[in-house]
Amino acid sequence: MLYFDYFKFCVFFGMSCWIFLIFLNNLKDKSTNFNILHNMFTMREIKNDKNTSQALTKRSINSESFAKKTLVFVTLYQFITSIFMIISALFYLLTILINYEYATLAIQFMNFSLVLFVAMWIFFICGGLYFGYWIKTPQYQQMHFNLLKVSILIFLLINYNTGGMS
């Protein structure tokens, strides 16, 4: 069982570091994600394609300020999520190394941080759907769905054979 616990830790900690790197990338390269968000909110690519229905473009938001504020919010949310995930992963590691009686509590902390993680992908999927991002940038939607699936798999992994699903 101990190797399985280490495996859970490695997977969870790895995803924690991964989301932290996304946060750092958003800090270092603000322009890339700003441009992606601004293009999605303005629906520029849909508007420029006259062969695509323009019905959804009434929802477009042409404010650069809105895209900037959204990017700040997303970056902050990613930071908070990554910190919760890293701390809960380290708490789990300490639990399996020092005192296993807190394993259920550690897994509950991991579950809470996974709720933050999965909520981000659902927010991205729903927000992107509102602005029709699947029409011109389906790769973003596919990535968000893949990360939602990864979130579910990690949830199942960390809760397998434990009392942590509460």
N, C-alpha and C. Protein backbone atom coordinates (compact mmCIF):
# COMPACT_ATOMS: atom_id res chain seq x y z
N MET A 1 0.83 -1.21 0.00
CA MET A 1 0.00 0.00 0.00
C MET A 1 0.86 1.26 0.00
N LEU A 2 2.03 1.19 0.59
CA LEU A 2 2.87 2.37 0.70
C LEU A 2 3.30 2.91 -0.67
N TYR A 3 3.62 2.01 -1.61
CA TYR A 3 4.00 2.47 -2.95
C TYR A 3 2.85 3.17 -3.64
N PHE A 4 1.65 2.68 -3.41
CA PHE A 4 0.47 3.31 -3.99
C PHE A 4 0.29 4.72 -3.43
N ASP A 5 0.56 4.90 -2.15
CA ASP A 5 0.47 6.23 -1.54
C ASP A 5 1.51 7.18 -2.14
N TYR A 6 2.70 6.67 -2.35
CA TYR A 6 3.73 7.49 -3.00
C TYR A 6 3.34 7.84 -4.43
N PHE A 7 2.72 6.89 -5.10
CA PHE A 7 2.24 7.14 -6.46
C PHE A 7 1.18 8.24 -6.46
N LYS A 8 0.22 8.15 -5.53
CA LYS A 8 -0.80 9.20 -5.41
C LYS A 8 -0.14 10.56 -5.19
N PHE A 9 0.82 10.58 -4.28
CA PHE A 9 1.51 11.83 -4.00
C PHE A 9 2.19 12.37 -5.26
N CYS A 10 2.92 11.51 -5.96
CA CYS A 10 3.65 11.96 -7.14
C CYS A 10 2.73 12.54 -8.20
N VAL A 11 1.63 11.86 -8.47
CA VAL A 11 0.68 12.35 -9.47
C VAL A 11 0.09 13.68 -9.04
N PHE A 12 -0.35 13.74 -7.80
CA PHE A 12 -1.00 14.96 -7.31
C PHE A 12 -0.01 16.11 -7.22
N PHE A 13 1.16 15.84 -6.69
CA PHE A 13 2.18 16.88 -6.59
C PHE A 13 2.62 17.35 -7.98
N GLY A 14 2.73 16.41 -8.90
CA GLY A 14 3.09 16.76 -10.28
C GLY A 14 2.08 17.70 -10.91
N MET A 15 0.79 17.42 -10.72
CA MET A 15 -0.25 18.31 -11.26
C MET A 15 -0.23 19.65 -10.53
N SER A 16 0.10 19.63 -9.25
CA SER A 16 0.21 20.88 -8.48
C SER A 16 1.32 21.76 -9.05
N CYS A 17 2.44 21.14 -9.33
CA CYS A 17 3.56 21.90 -9.92
C CYS A 17 3.22 22.37 -11.32
N TRP A 18 2.50 21.54 -12.06
CA TRP A 18 2.10 21.90 -13.42
C TRP A 18 1.23 23.16 -13.43
N ILE A 19 0.23 23.21 -12.54
CA ILE A 19 -0.64 24.39 -12.50
C ILE A 19 0.13 25.60 -11.98
N PHE A 20 1.10 25.38 -11.10
CA PHE A 20 1.94 26.48 -10.64
C PHE A 20 2.78 27.03 -11.79
N LEU A 21 3.28 26.16 -12.65
CA LEU A 21 4.03 26.62 -13.82
C LEU A 21 3.15 27.41 -14.79
N ILE A 22 1.90 27.01 -14.91
CA ILE A 22 0.97 27.79 -15.74
C ILE A 22 0.83 29.19 -15.16
N PHE A 23 0.68 29.26 -13.84
CA PHE A 23 0.60 30.56 -13.17
C PHE A 23 1.85 31.39 -13.47
N LEU A 24 3.04 30.78 -13.32
CA LEU A 24 4.28 31.51 -13.60
C LEU A 24 4.36 31.95 -15.06
N ASN A 25 3.92 31.10 -15.97
CA ASN A 25 3.92 31.47 -17.39
C ASN A 25 3.00 32.66 -17.65
N ASN A 26 1.86 32.70 -16.96
CA ASN A 26 0.96 33.84 -17.12
C ASN A 26 1.59 35.13 -16.59
N LEU A 27 2.42 35.02 -15.57
CA LEU A 27 3.12 36.20 -15.06
C LEU A 27 4.20 36.66 -16.04
N LYS A 28 4.93 35.71 -16.58
CA LYS A 28 6.07 36.02 -17.44
C LYS A 28 5.63 36.49 -18.83
N ASP A 29 4.61 35.86 -19.37
CA ASP A 29 4.16 36.16 -20.74
C ASP A 29 2.68 36.53 -20.72
N LYS A 30 2.42 37.73 -20.26
CA LYS A 30 1.03 38.19 -20.18
C LYS A 30 0.40 38.39 -21.55
N SER A 31 1.19 38.77 -22.53
CA SER A 31 0.63 39.15 -23.83
C SER A 31 -0.01 37.99 -24.57
N THR A 32 0.56 36.79 -24.47
CA THR A 32 0.00 35.66 -25.21
C THR A 32 -1.41 35.36 -24.76
N ASN A 33 -1.61 35.16 -23.46
CA ASN A 33 -2.94 34.83 -22.98
C ASN A 33 -3.89 36.02 -23.04
N PHE A 34 -3.36 37.24 -22.92
CA PHE A 34 -4.21 38.41 -23.12
C PHE A 34 -4.76 38.40 -24.55
N ASN A 35 -3.89 38.15 -25.52
CA ASN A 35 -4.34 38.12 -26.92
C ASN A 35 -5.36 37.02 -27.17
N ILE A 36 -5.13 35.86 -26.57
CA ILE A 36 -6.09 34.76 -26.71
C ILE A 36 -7.44 35.16 -26.13
N LEU A 37 -7.43 35.70 -24.91
CA LEU A 37 -8.68 36.12 -24.27
C LEU A 37 -9.36 37.24 -25.04
N HIS A 38 -8.58 38.24 -25.43
CA HIS A 38 -9.16 39.37 -26.14
C HIS A 38 -9.78 38.93 -27.47
N ASN A 39 -9.09 38.05 -28.18
CA ASN A 39 -9.65 37.54 -29.44
C ASN A 39 -10.94 36.75 -29.19
N MET A 40 -10.96 35.98 -28.11
CA MET A 40 -12.17 35.21 -27.81
C MET A 40 -13.31 36.15 -27.42
N PHE A 41 -13.04 37.12 -26.53
CA PHE A 41 -14.10 38.02 -26.08
C PHE A 41 -14.64 38.89 -27.20
N THR A 42 -13.77 39.36 -28.08
CA THR A 42 -14.23 40.20 -29.19
C THR A 42 -14.84 39.38 -30.32
N MET A 43 -14.57 38.08 -30.30
CA MET A 43 -15.04 37.16 -31.34
C MET A 43 -14.53 37.59 -32.71
N ARG A 44 -13.34 38.15 -32.71
CA ARG A 44 -12.73 38.71 -33.91
C ARG A 44 -12.64 37.70 -35.06
N GLU A 45 -12.19 36.50 -34.75
CA GLU A 45 -12.02 35.51 -35.82
C GLU A 45 -13.36 35.08 -36.41
N ILE A 46 -14.39 35.01 -35.59
CA ILE A 46 -15.71 34.68 -36.10
C ILE A 46 -16.25 35.83 -36.95
N LYS A 47 -16.08 37.05 -36.46
CA LYS A 47 -16.56 38.22 -37.20
C LYS A 47 -15.86 38.37 -38.56
N ASN A 48 -14.58 37.99 -38.61
CA ASN A 48 -13.83 38.13 -39.86
C ASN A 48 -14.12 37.04 -40.88
N ASP A 49 -14.77 35.97 -40.45
CA ASP A 49 -15.10 34.87 -41.36
C ASP A 49 -16.55 35.02 -41.80
N LYS A 50 -16.75 35.51 -42.99
CA LYS A 50 -18.11 35.76 -43.48
C LYS A 50 -18.85 34.47 -43.84
N ASN A 51 -18.15 33.35 -43.85
CA ASN A 51 -18.78 32.05 -44.11
C ASN A 51 -19.33 31.43 -42.83
N THR A 52 -19.05 32.06 -41.70
CA THR A 52 -19.52 31.57 -40.41
C THR A 52 -20.68 32.44 -39.95
N SER A 53 -21.69 31.80 -39.37
CA SER A 53 -22.83 32.53 -38.85
C SER A 53 -22.36 33.60 -37.86
N GLN A 54 -23.00 34.74 -37.91
CA GLN A 54 -22.65 35.85 -37.04
C GLN A 54 -23.61 35.96 -35.84
N ALA A 55 -24.45 34.95 -35.66
CA ALA A 55 -25.49 35.01 -34.62
C ALA A 55 -24.92 35.19 -33.21
N LEU A 56 -23.80 34.53 -32.92
CA LEU A 56 -23.24 34.62 -31.57
C LEU A 56 -22.50 35.92 -31.30
N THR A 57 -22.14 36.64 -32.35
CA THR A 57 -21.27 37.81 -32.17
C THR A 57 -21.93 38.94 -31.38
N LYS A 58 -23.22 38.85 -31.17
CA LYS A 58 -23.89 39.85 -30.32
C LYS A 58 -23.38 39.78 -28.88
N ARG A 59 -22.79 38.66 -28.52
CA ARG A 59 -22.27 38.46 -27.17
C ARG A 59 -20.86 39.03 -27.00
N SER A 60 -20.26 39.47 -28.05
CA SER A 60 -18.85 39.89 -27.97
C SER A 60 -18.66 41.07 -27.02
N ILE A 61 -17.49 41.08 -26.42
CA ILE A 61 -17.10 42.16 -25.50
C ILE A 61 -15.81 42.75 -26.08
N ASN A 62 -15.85 44.00 -26.48
CA ASN A 62 -14.74 44.61 -27.18
C ASN A 62 -13.80 45.40 -26.28
N SER A 63 -13.89 45.18 -25.00
CA SER A 63 -13.09 45.93 -24.04
C SER A 63 -11.76 45.23 -23.75
N GLU A 64 -10.65 45.94 -23.99
CA GLU A 64 -9.35 45.41 -23.61
C GLU A 64 -9.25 45.29 -22.09
N SER A 65 -9.87 46.22 -21.40
CA SER A 65 -9.86 46.22 -19.94
C SER A 65 -10.49 44.94 -19.39
N PHE A 66 -11.56 44.48 -20.02
CA PHE A 66 -12.22 43.25 -19.59
C PHE A 66 -11.28 42.06 -19.74
N ALA A 67 -10.58 41.99 -20.84
CA ALA A 67 -9.63 40.89 -21.07
C ALA A 67 -8.49 40.96 -20.06
N LYS A 68 -7.99 42.16 -19.78
CA LYS A 68 -6.91 42.31 -18.79
C LYS A 68 -7.36 41.89 -17.40
N LYS A 69 -8.55 42.33 -17.01
CA LYS A 69 -9.07 41.99 -15.68
C LYS A 69 -9.33 40.48 -15.58
N THR A 70 -9.83 39.90 -16.65
CA THR A 70 -10.06 38.46 -16.65
C THR A 70 -8.76 37.70 -16.50
N LEU A 71 -7.73 38.13 -17.21
CA LEU A 71 -6.43 37.47 -17.11
C LEU A 71 -5.85 37.60 -15.70
N VAL A 72 -6.02 38.75 -15.08
CA VAL A 72 -5.55 38.93 -13.69
C VAL A 72 -6.31 37.97 -12.77
N PHE A 73 -7.61 37.90 -12.94
CA PHE A 73 -8.43 37.01 -12.11
C PHE A 73 -8.01 35.55 -12.31
N VAL A 74 -7.87 35.13 -13.56
CA VAL A 74 -7.49 33.75 -13.86
C VAL A 74 -6.11 33.43 -13.29
N THR A 75 -5.18 34.35 -13.45
CA THR A 75 -3.82 34.14 -12.94
C THR A 75 -3.83 34.02 -11.42
N LEU A 76 -4.57 34.87 -10.75
CA LEU A 76 -4.69 34.79 -9.29
C LEU A 76 -5.35 33.48 -8.87
N TYR A 77 -6.39 33.10 -9.58
CA TYR A 77 -7.08 31.85 -9.27
C TYR A 77 -6.15 30.65 -9.45
N GLN A 78 -5.35 30.68 -10.51
CA GLN A 78 -4.38 29.60 -10.73
C GLN A 78 -3.35 29.56 -9.61
N PHE A 79 -2.92 30.72 -9.15
CA PHE A 79 -1.96 30.77 -8.05
C PHE A 79 -2.56 30.14 -6.79
N ILE A 80 -3.77 30.57 -6.44
CA ILE A 80 -4.43 30.06 -5.24
C ILE A 80 -4.64 28.55 -5.35
N THR A 81 -5.10 28.10 -6.49
CA THR A 81 -5.32 26.67 -6.71
C THR A 81 -4.02 25.90 -6.57
N SER A 82 -2.97 26.39 -7.18
CA SER A 82 -1.69 25.68 -7.12
C SER A 82 -1.15 25.62 -5.70
N ILE A 83 -1.29 26.70 -4.95
CA ILE A 83 -0.81 26.70 -3.56
C ILE A 83 -1.60 25.70 -2.72
N PHE A 84 -2.94 25.69 -2.87
CA PHE A 84 -3.75 24.71 -2.14
C PHE A 84 -3.34 23.29 -2.53
N MET A 85 -3.10 23.07 -3.81
CA MET A 85 -2.73 21.72 -4.26
C MET A 85 -1.36 21.31 -3.73
N ILE A 86 -0.40 22.22 -3.79
CA ILE A 86 0.95 21.90 -3.32
C ILE A 86 0.95 21.63 -1.81
N ILE A 87 0.27 22.48 -1.05
CA ILE A 87 0.23 22.30 0.40
C ILE A 87 -0.47 20.99 0.75
N SER A 88 -1.59 20.69 0.10
CA SER A 88 -2.29 19.44 0.43
C SER A 88 -1.47 18.22 0.00
N ALA A 89 -0.74 18.32 -1.09
CA ALA A 89 0.13 17.20 -1.50
C ALA A 89 1.25 16.99 -0.48
N LEU A 90 1.85 18.07 -0.02
CA LEU A 90 2.92 17.95 0.97
C LEU A 90 2.38 17.44 2.31
N PHE A 91 1.17 17.87 2.67
CA PHE A 91 0.52 17.36 3.88
C PHE A 91 0.31 15.85 3.76
N TYR A 92 -0.11 15.40 2.59
CA TYR A 92 -0.30 13.96 2.36
C TYR A 92 1.04 13.23 2.47
N LEU A 93 2.09 13.79 1.89
CA LEU A 93 3.41 13.15 1.98
C LEU A 93 3.86 13.04 3.44
N LEU A 94 3.72 14.12 4.18
CA LEU A 94 4.09 14.08 5.60
C LEU A 94 3.26 13.06 6.37
N THR A 95 2.00 12.96 6.01
CA THR A 95 1.12 11.99 6.66
C THR A 95 1.61 10.57 6.41
N ILE A 96 1.96 10.25 5.18
CA ILE A 96 2.38 8.87 4.92
C ILE A 96 3.80 8.61 5.44
N LEU A 97 4.59 9.66 5.62
CA LEU A 97 5.94 9.47 6.15
C LEU A 97 5.97 9.43 7.67
N ILE A 98 5.12 10.23 8.32
CA ILE A 98 5.24 10.43 9.76
C ILE A 98 4.10 9.80 10.55
N ASN A 99 2.86 10.15 10.20
CA ASN A 99 1.73 9.70 11.01
C ASN A 99 0.54 9.43 10.12
N TYR A 100 0.35 8.17 9.78
CA TYR A 100 -0.67 7.78 8.80
C TYR A 100 -2.10 8.02 9.29
N GLU A 101 -2.28 8.29 10.56
CA GLU A 101 -3.64 8.46 11.08
C GLU A 101 -4.34 9.70 10.50
N TYR A 102 -3.57 10.61 9.92
CA TYR A 102 -4.17 11.81 9.31
C TYR A 102 -4.35 11.68 7.80
N ALA A 103 -4.21 10.49 7.27
CA ALA A 103 -4.31 10.29 5.81
C ALA A 103 -5.66 10.71 5.27
N THR A 104 -6.73 10.37 5.97
CA THR A 104 -8.07 10.74 5.50
C THR A 104 -8.23 12.25 5.47
N LEU A 105 -7.74 12.92 6.47
CA LEU A 105 -7.79 14.39 6.49
C LEU A 105 -6.96 14.97 5.34
N ALA A 106 -5.79 14.42 5.10
CA ALA A 106 -4.94 14.90 4.01
C ALA A 106 -5.63 14.71 2.67
N ILE A 107 -6.30 13.59 2.49
CA ILE A 107 -7.01 13.34 1.23
C ILE A 107 -8.18 14.30 1.09
N GLN A 108 -8.83 14.65 2.19
CA GLN A 108 -9.91 15.64 2.12
C GLN A 108 -9.38 17.00 1.68
N PHE A 109 -8.19 17.38 2.15
CA PHE A 109 -7.57 18.62 1.69
C PHE A 109 -7.25 18.54 0.19
N MET A 110 -6.77 17.38 -0.24
CA MET A 110 -6.49 17.19 -1.66
C MET A 110 -7.79 17.31 -2.47
N ASN A 111 -8.87 16.74 -1.94
CA ASN A 111 -10.16 16.84 -2.63
C ASN A 111 -10.62 18.29 -2.74
N PHE A 112 -10.44 19.05 -1.67
CA PHE A 112 -10.84 20.46 -1.73
C PHE A 112 -10.06 21.20 -2.81
N SER A 113 -8.76 20.97 -2.85
CA SER A 113 -7.96 21.66 -3.87
C SER A 113 -8.31 21.17 -5.28
N LEU A 114 -8.73 19.91 -5.39
CA LEU A 114 -9.18 19.42 -6.70
C LEU A 114 -10.49 20.07 -7.12
N VAL A 115 -11.33 20.42 -6.15
CA VAL A 115 -12.55 21.16 -6.49
C VAL A 115 -12.19 22.49 -7.15
N LEU A 116 -11.19 23.17 -6.59
CA LEU A 116 -10.73 24.42 -7.21
C LEU A 116 -10.19 24.17 -8.62
N PHE A 117 -9.44 23.10 -8.76
CA PHE A 117 -8.82 22.74 -10.04
C PHE A 117 -9.88 22.43 -11.10
N VAL A 118 -10.85 21.59 -10.75
CA VAL A 118 -11.87 21.21 -11.71
C VAL A 118 -12.81 22.39 -12.03
N ALA A 119 -13.06 23.23 -11.04
CA ALA A 119 -13.92 24.40 -11.27
C ALA A 119 -13.31 25.33 -12.32
N MET A 120 -11.98 25.42 -12.32
CA MET A 120 -11.32 26.26 -13.32
C MET A 120 -11.62 25.77 -14.73
N TRP A 121 -11.52 24.46 -14.94
CA TRP A 121 -11.74 23.92 -16.29
C TRP A 121 -13.19 24.05 -16.70
N ILE A 122 -14.10 23.84 -15.76
CA ILE A 122 -15.52 24.01 -16.08
C ILE A 122 -15.82 25.46 -16.43
N PHE A 123 -15.23 26.37 -15.67
CA PHE A 123 -15.39 27.81 -15.96
C PHE A 123 -14.85 28.14 -17.35
N PHE A 124 -13.68 27.60 -17.69
CA PHE A 124 -13.10 27.86 -19.01
C PHE A 124 -13.98 27.28 -20.11
N ILE A 125 -14.49 26.07 -19.91
CA ILE A 125 -15.34 25.43 -20.93
C ILE A 125 -16.62 26.23 -21.12
N CYS A 126 -17.28 26.60 -20.02
CA CYS A 126 -18.54 27.35 -20.13
C CYS A 126 -18.32 28.76 -20.66
N GLY A 127 -17.27 29.42 -20.15
CA GLY A 127 -16.97 30.77 -20.64
C GLY A 127 -16.61 30.76 -22.12
N GLY A 128 -15.81 29.80 -22.51
CA GLY A 128 -15.43 29.70 -23.92
C GLY A 128 -16.63 29.37 -24.80
N LEU A 129 -17.50 28.50 -24.31
CA LEU A 129 -18.70 28.14 -25.07
C LEU A 129 -19.58 29.36 -25.30
N TYR A 130 -19.69 30.21 -24.27
CA TYR A 130 -20.49 31.43 -24.40
C TYR A 130 -19.99 32.30 -25.55
N PHE A 131 -18.66 32.35 -25.71
CA PHE A 131 -18.07 33.18 -26.76
C PHE A 131 -17.76 32.39 -28.03
N GLY A 132 -18.24 31.17 -28.11
CA GLY A 132 -18.10 30.38 -29.33
C GLY A 132 -16.67 30.00 -29.67
N TYR A 133 -15.83 29.73 -28.66
CA TYR A 133 -14.42 29.47 -28.95
C TYR A 133 -14.19 28.16 -29.68
N TRP A 134 -15.16 27.27 -29.66
CA TRP A 134 -15.01 26.01 -30.39
C TRP A 134 -15.03 26.21 -31.90
N ILE A 135 -15.58 27.33 -32.35
CA ILE A 135 -15.74 27.55 -33.79
C ILE A 135 -14.40 27.79 -34.46
N LYS A 136 -13.57 28.63 -33.87
CA LYS A 136 -12.28 28.98 -34.49
C LYS A 136 -11.07 28.48 -33.72
N THR A 137 -11.24 28.13 -32.47
CA THR A 137 -10.10 27.62 -31.68
C THR A 137 -10.52 26.36 -30.92
N PRO A 138 -10.87 25.31 -31.65
CA PRO A 138 -11.32 24.09 -30.95
C PRO A 138 -10.23 23.44 -30.11
N GLN A 139 -8.97 23.75 -30.40
CA GLN A 139 -7.88 23.16 -29.61
C GLN A 139 -7.93 23.61 -28.15
N TYR A 140 -8.41 24.82 -27.90
CA TYR A 140 -8.52 25.28 -26.51
C TYR A 140 -9.62 24.50 -25.79
N GLN A 141 -10.75 24.34 -26.46
CA GLN A 141 -11.84 23.59 -25.85
C GLN A 141 -11.41 22.15 -25.58
N GLN A 142 -10.71 21.54 -26.53
CA GLN A 142 -10.25 20.17 -26.35
C GLN A 142 -9.29 20.06 -25.16
N MET A 143 -8.39 21.03 -25.04
CA MET A 143 -7.46 21.03 -23.92
C MET A 143 -8.22 21.15 -22.60
N HIS A 144 -9.22 22.02 -22.53
CA HIS A 144 -9.98 22.20 -21.30
C HIS A 144 -10.76 20.93 -20.95
N PHE A 145 -11.33 20.27 -21.96
CA PHE A 145 -12.02 19.01 -21.70
C PHE A 145 -11.03 17.93 -21.24
N ASN A 146 -9.86 17.89 -21.85
CA ASN A 146 -8.85 16.92 -21.42
C ASN A 146 -8.44 17.14 -19.97
N LEU A 147 -8.30 18.41 -19.59
CA LEU A 147 -7.93 18.71 -18.21
C LEU A 147 -9.07 18.41 -17.24
N LEU A 148 -10.29 18.55 -17.69
CA LEU A 148 -11.43 18.13 -16.87
C LEU A 148 -11.38 16.61 -16.65
N LYS A 149 -11.08 15.87 -17.71
CA LYS A 149 -10.96 14.41 -17.59
C LYS A 149 -9.80 14.03 -16.66
N VAL A 150 -8.68 14.72 -16.79
CA VAL A 150 -7.53 14.46 -15.92
C VAL A 150 -7.92 14.73 -14.47
N SER A 151 -8.66 15.80 -14.23
CA SER A 151 -9.12 16.12 -12.87
C SER A 151 -9.95 15.00 -12.28
N ILE A 152 -10.84 14.46 -13.08
CA ILE A 152 -11.69 13.36 -12.62
C ILE A 152 -10.85 12.12 -12.32
N LEU A 153 -9.91 11.82 -13.19
CA LEU A 153 -9.04 10.66 -12.96
C LEU A 153 -8.20 10.83 -11.70
N ILE A 154 -7.69 12.03 -11.48
CA ILE A 154 -6.91 12.26 -10.25
C ILE A 154 -7.79 12.12 -9.02
N PHE A 155 -9.01 12.63 -9.10
CA PHE A 155 -9.95 12.47 -7.98
C PHE A 155 -10.16 11.00 -7.66
N LEU A 156 -10.40 10.20 -8.70
CA LEU A 156 -10.60 8.76 -8.49
C LEU A 156 -9.35 8.11 -7.92
N LEU A 157 -8.20 8.52 -8.41
CA LEU A 157 -6.94 7.95 -7.93
C LEU A 157 -6.72 8.25 -6.45
N ILE A 158 -6.85 9.51 -6.07
CA ILE A 158 -6.52 9.84 -4.67
C ILE A 158 -7.56 9.31 -3.69
N ASN A 159 -8.75 9.05 -4.18
CA ASN A 159 -9.80 8.54 -3.29
C ASN A 159 -9.97 7.03 -3.35
N TYR A 160 -9.22 6.38 -4.22
CA TYR A 160 -9.32 4.93 -4.33
C TYR A 160 -8.91 4.27 -3.02
N ASN A 161 -9.80 3.43 -2.53
CA ASN A 161 -9.52 2.64 -1.34
C ASN A 161 -9.26 3.49 -0.10
N THR A 162 -9.93 4.63 -0.01
CA THR A 162 -9.79 5.50 1.17
C THR A 162 -11.16 5.94 1.64
N GLY A 163 -11.18 6.63 2.73
CA GLY A 163 -12.42 7.22 3.23
C GLY A 163 -12.51 8.69 2.88
N GLY A 164 -11.76 9.14 1.85
CA GLY A 164 -11.63 10.57 1.58
C GLY A 164 -12.69 11.18 0.71
N MET A 165 -13.68 10.42 0.26
CA MET A 165 -14.66 10.97 -0.69
C MET A 165 -15.78 11.74 -0.01
N SER A 166 -15.52 12.29 1.13
CA SER A 166 -16.58 13.06 1.81
C SER A 166 -16.36 14.53 1.64
